[in-house]
N, C-alpha and C. Protein backbone atom coordinates (compact mmCIF):
# COMPACT_ATOMS: atom_id res chain seq x y z
N MET A 1 14.80 6.79 2.86
CA MET A 1 13.25 6.26 2.55
C MET A 1 13.16 4.63 2.99
N LYS A 2 12.07 4.41 3.53
CA LYS A 2 11.89 3.29 3.90
C LYS A 2 11.17 2.42 2.85
N LYS A 3 11.38 1.22 2.53
CA LYS A 3 10.90 0.43 1.28
C LYS A 3 10.01 -0.48 1.66
N PHE A 4 9.22 -1.03 0.71
CA PHE A 4 8.35 -2.26 1.01
C PHE A 4 8.97 -3.61 0.97
N GLU A 5 9.05 -4.56 1.96
CA GLU A 5 9.68 -5.84 2.04
C GLU A 5 8.99 -6.98 1.62
N VAL A 6 9.36 -7.90 0.87
CA VAL A 6 8.63 -8.64 0.21
C VAL A 6 8.60 -9.75 1.49
N GLY A 7 7.19 -10.35 1.54
CA GLY A 7 6.66 -11.26 2.61
C GLY A 7 6.17 -10.45 3.83
N ARG A 8 6.32 -9.25 4.03
CA ARG A 8 5.60 -8.52 5.01
C ARG A 8 4.43 -8.10 4.67
N LYS A 9 3.46 -7.88 5.72
CA LYS A 9 2.13 -7.29 5.51
C LYS A 9 1.93 -6.06 5.99
N TYR A 10 1.15 -5.45 5.31
CA TYR A 10 0.95 -4.01 5.57
C TYR A 10 -0.59 -3.51 5.70
N SER A 11 -0.98 -2.89 6.55
CA SER A 11 -2.31 -2.62 6.53
C SER A 11 -2.67 -1.11 6.84
N THR A 12 -3.94 -0.47 6.67
CA THR A 12 -4.46 0.67 7.13
C THR A 12 -5.90 0.60 7.25
N ARG A 13 -6.35 1.63 7.92
CA ARG A 13 -7.56 1.84 8.44
C ARG A 13 -8.55 2.80 7.57
N SER A 14 -9.67 2.53 7.48
CA SER A 14 -10.52 3.52 6.82
C SER A 14 -10.70 4.93 7.78
N MET A 15 -10.63 6.00 6.96
CA MET A 15 -10.91 7.37 7.75
C MET A 15 -12.33 7.34 8.24
N CYS A 16 -13.18 6.59 7.49
CA CYS A 16 -14.59 7.03 7.78
C CYS A 16 -15.20 5.61 8.72
N ASP A 17 -14.57 4.73 8.83
CA ASP A 17 -14.95 3.58 9.75
C ASP A 17 -13.85 2.95 10.20
N HIS A 18 -13.62 3.12 11.35
CA HIS A 18 -12.44 2.48 12.01
C HIS A 18 -12.46 1.04 12.16
N ASN A 19 -13.44 0.48 11.85
CA ASN A 19 -13.51 -0.98 11.96
C ASN A 19 -13.07 -1.70 10.34
N CYS A 20 -13.33 -0.97 9.37
CA CYS A 20 -12.64 -1.41 8.04
C CYS A 20 -11.08 -1.23 8.08
N ILE A 21 -10.43 -2.27 7.79
CA ILE A 21 -9.39 -2.38 7.59
C ILE A 21 -8.74 -3.27 6.30
N TRP A 22 -7.98 -2.39 5.58
CA TRP A 22 -7.24 -3.12 4.41
C TRP A 22 -6.01 -3.67 4.58
N SER A 23 -5.49 -5.09 4.17
CA SER A 23 -4.74 -5.44 4.52
C SER A 23 -3.95 -6.11 3.19
N TYR A 24 -2.41 -5.92 2.79
CA TYR A 24 -2.01 -6.54 1.69
C TYR A 24 -0.50 -6.99 2.02
N THR A 25 -0.34 -8.27 1.60
CA THR A 25 0.97 -8.72 1.93
C THR A 25 2.00 -8.78 0.61
N ILE A 26 3.13 -8.19 0.36
CA ILE A 26 3.88 -7.96 -0.48
C ILE A 26 4.74 -9.29 -1.29
N ILE A 27 4.53 -9.80 -2.34
CA ILE A 27 4.98 -10.81 -2.79
C ILE A 27 6.06 -10.50 -3.77
N ALA A 28 6.12 -9.43 -4.51
CA ALA A 28 7.28 -9.06 -5.45
C ALA A 28 7.42 -7.41 -5.43
N ARG A 29 8.47 -7.10 -5.86
CA ARG A 29 8.57 -5.74 -5.76
C ARG A 29 9.63 -5.25 -7.14
N THR A 30 9.48 -4.13 -7.84
CA THR A 30 10.36 -3.44 -8.39
C THR A 30 10.64 -2.11 -8.10
N ALA A 31 11.25 -1.22 -8.75
CA ALA A 31 11.82 0.19 -8.22
C ALA A 31 10.46 0.93 -8.36
N CYS A 32 9.36 0.42 -9.30
CA CYS A 32 8.29 1.64 -9.35
C CYS A 32 7.07 0.75 -9.04
N THR A 33 7.13 -0.43 -8.91
CA THR A 33 5.70 -1.28 -8.47
C THR A 33 5.95 -2.36 -7.40
N VAL A 34 4.63 -2.73 -6.65
CA VAL A 34 4.66 -3.61 -5.81
C VAL A 34 3.55 -4.62 -6.23
N THR A 35 3.69 -6.03 -6.09
CA THR A 35 2.72 -7.06 -6.26
C THR A 35 2.29 -7.49 -4.82
N ALA A 36 0.92 -7.60 -4.67
CA ALA A 36 0.44 -7.92 -3.22
C ALA A 36 -0.64 -8.74 -3.40
N LEU A 37 -0.84 -9.50 -2.36
CA LEU A 37 -2.05 -10.26 -2.19
C LEU A 37 -2.80 -9.60 -1.29
N ASP A 38 -4.31 -9.50 -1.40
CA ASP A 38 -5.14 -9.14 -0.62
C ASP A 38 -5.60 -10.25 0.20
N GLU A 39 -6.51 -9.81 1.35
CA GLU A 39 -6.99 -10.76 2.14
C GLU A 39 -8.07 -11.93 1.39
N ASP A 40 -8.39 -11.88 0.21
CA ASP A 40 -9.09 -12.71 -0.44
C ASP A 40 -8.14 -13.75 -1.41
N GLY A 41 -6.90 -13.51 -1.52
CA GLY A 41 -5.82 -13.99 -2.13
C GLY A 41 -5.74 -13.74 -3.65
N ASN A 42 -6.44 -12.68 -3.91
CA ASN A 42 -6.20 -12.09 -5.46
C ASN A 42 -5.02 -11.30 -5.41
N GLN A 43 -4.23 -11.68 -6.21
CA GLN A 43 -2.69 -10.88 -6.64
C GLN A 43 -3.21 -9.71 -7.59
N LEU A 44 -2.50 -8.47 -6.92
CA LEU A 44 -2.77 -7.18 -7.31
C LEU A 44 -1.38 -6.61 -7.76
N LYS A 45 -1.27 -5.63 -8.63
CA LYS A 45 -0.28 -5.00 -8.83
C LYS A 45 -0.36 -3.48 -8.65
N PHE A 46 0.52 -2.91 -7.97
CA PHE A 46 0.27 -1.37 -7.59
C PHE A 46 1.29 -0.63 -7.92
N ARG A 47 1.32 0.57 -8.43
CA ARG A 47 2.54 1.50 -8.96
C ARG A 47 2.76 2.33 -7.45
N ILE A 48 3.99 2.46 -7.17
CA ILE A 48 4.40 3.26 -6.06
C ILE A 48 4.37 4.73 -6.33
N ASN A 49 3.58 5.57 -5.62
CA ASN A 49 3.54 6.86 -5.69
C ASN A 49 4.66 7.53 -5.32
N LYS A 50 5.35 8.16 -6.19
CA LYS A 50 6.60 8.90 -5.93
C LYS A 50 6.60 10.09 -5.11
N LYS A 51 5.62 10.99 -5.25
CA LYS A 51 5.48 12.38 -4.98
C LYS A 51 4.93 12.23 -3.30
N THR A 52 3.94 11.29 -3.12
CA THR A 52 3.62 10.84 -1.66
C THR A 52 4.80 10.30 -1.04
N SER A 53 5.34 9.24 -1.53
CA SER A 53 6.45 8.49 -0.98
C SER A 53 7.59 9.52 -0.51
N GLU A 54 7.96 10.65 -1.25
CA GLU A 54 8.92 11.40 -0.88
C GLU A 54 8.48 12.30 0.35
N TYR A 55 7.25 12.72 0.19
CA TYR A 55 6.83 13.48 1.43
C TYR A 55 6.56 12.90 2.83
N ARG A 56 6.15 11.66 2.78
CA ARG A 56 6.25 10.78 3.96
C ARG A 56 7.63 10.19 4.28
N ASN A 57 8.53 10.00 3.34
CA ASN A 57 9.84 9.46 3.55
C ASN A 57 9.60 7.80 3.67
N ALA A 58 8.64 7.52 3.12
CA ALA A 58 8.26 5.84 3.18
C ALA A 58 7.45 5.59 1.72
N GLU A 59 7.87 4.38 0.92
CA GLU A 59 7.26 4.35 -0.26
C GLU A 59 5.59 4.14 0.25
N THR A 60 4.78 4.58 -0.77
CA THR A 60 3.47 4.44 -0.55
C THR A 60 2.57 4.07 -1.76
N PHE A 61 1.48 3.54 -1.64
CA PHE A 61 0.50 3.16 -2.68
C PHE A 61 -0.85 3.25 -2.45
N TYR A 62 -1.84 3.55 -3.27
CA TYR A 62 -3.05 3.82 -3.09
C TYR A 62 -3.79 2.38 -3.95
N PRO A 63 -4.24 1.62 -2.92
CA PRO A 63 -4.99 0.32 -3.33
C PRO A 63 -6.15 0.18 -4.02
N LEU A 64 -7.15 1.39 -3.69
CA LEU A 64 -8.40 1.67 -4.10
C LEU A 64 -8.52 2.95 -5.29
N GLY A 65 -7.40 3.37 -5.44
CA GLY A 65 -7.23 4.53 -6.71
C GLY A 65 -7.11 5.77 -5.69
N ARG A 66 -7.15 6.88 -6.43
CA ARG A 66 -6.67 7.96 -5.72
C ARG A 66 -7.91 9.05 -5.79
N TYR A 67 -8.32 9.22 -4.62
CA TYR A 67 -9.42 10.24 -4.37
C TYR A 67 -9.19 10.81 -2.99
N SER A 68 -10.15 11.70 -2.74
CA SER A 68 -10.02 12.69 -1.29
C SER A 68 -9.76 11.85 -0.22
N MET A 69 -10.43 10.65 0.11
CA MET A 69 -10.39 10.04 1.55
C MET A 69 -9.98 8.39 0.91
N ALA A 70 -9.14 8.16 0.10
CA ALA A 70 -8.55 7.07 -0.26
C ALA A 70 -7.34 6.41 0.52
N PRO A 71 -7.56 5.18 0.83
CA PRO A 71 -6.65 4.56 2.00
C PRO A 71 -5.15 4.78 1.20
N MET A 72 -4.23 4.90 2.05
CA MET A 72 -2.70 4.61 1.59
C MET A 72 -2.31 3.47 2.41
N ILE A 73 -1.27 2.70 1.40
CA ILE A 73 -0.72 1.65 2.27
C ILE A 73 0.80 2.21 2.37
N SER A 74 1.52 2.14 3.29
CA SER A 74 2.72 2.89 3.24
C SER A 74 3.68 2.19 4.04
N ALA A 75 5.15 2.21 3.67
CA ALA A 75 6.13 0.96 4.20
C ALA A 75 6.49 1.57 5.55
N GLU A 76 5.96 2.45 6.29
CA GLU A 76 6.24 2.84 7.75
C GLU A 76 6.07 1.71 8.73
């Protein structure tokens, strides 16, 4: 399984608007969480979703919550 790397920037695009991009830089991690900086410099902590991570074979978190068209940040 691919894992998040400290210091690396991960991004994803909106499913509704291709010009909307969310980017996060990982600054710390544990086995279950990642701490990241968003584009505004805010430090945020996210829980790695184990079920989605196993399905995608890469660690994954949902930065804006979990709903039908929620963006996913994946370690791919």
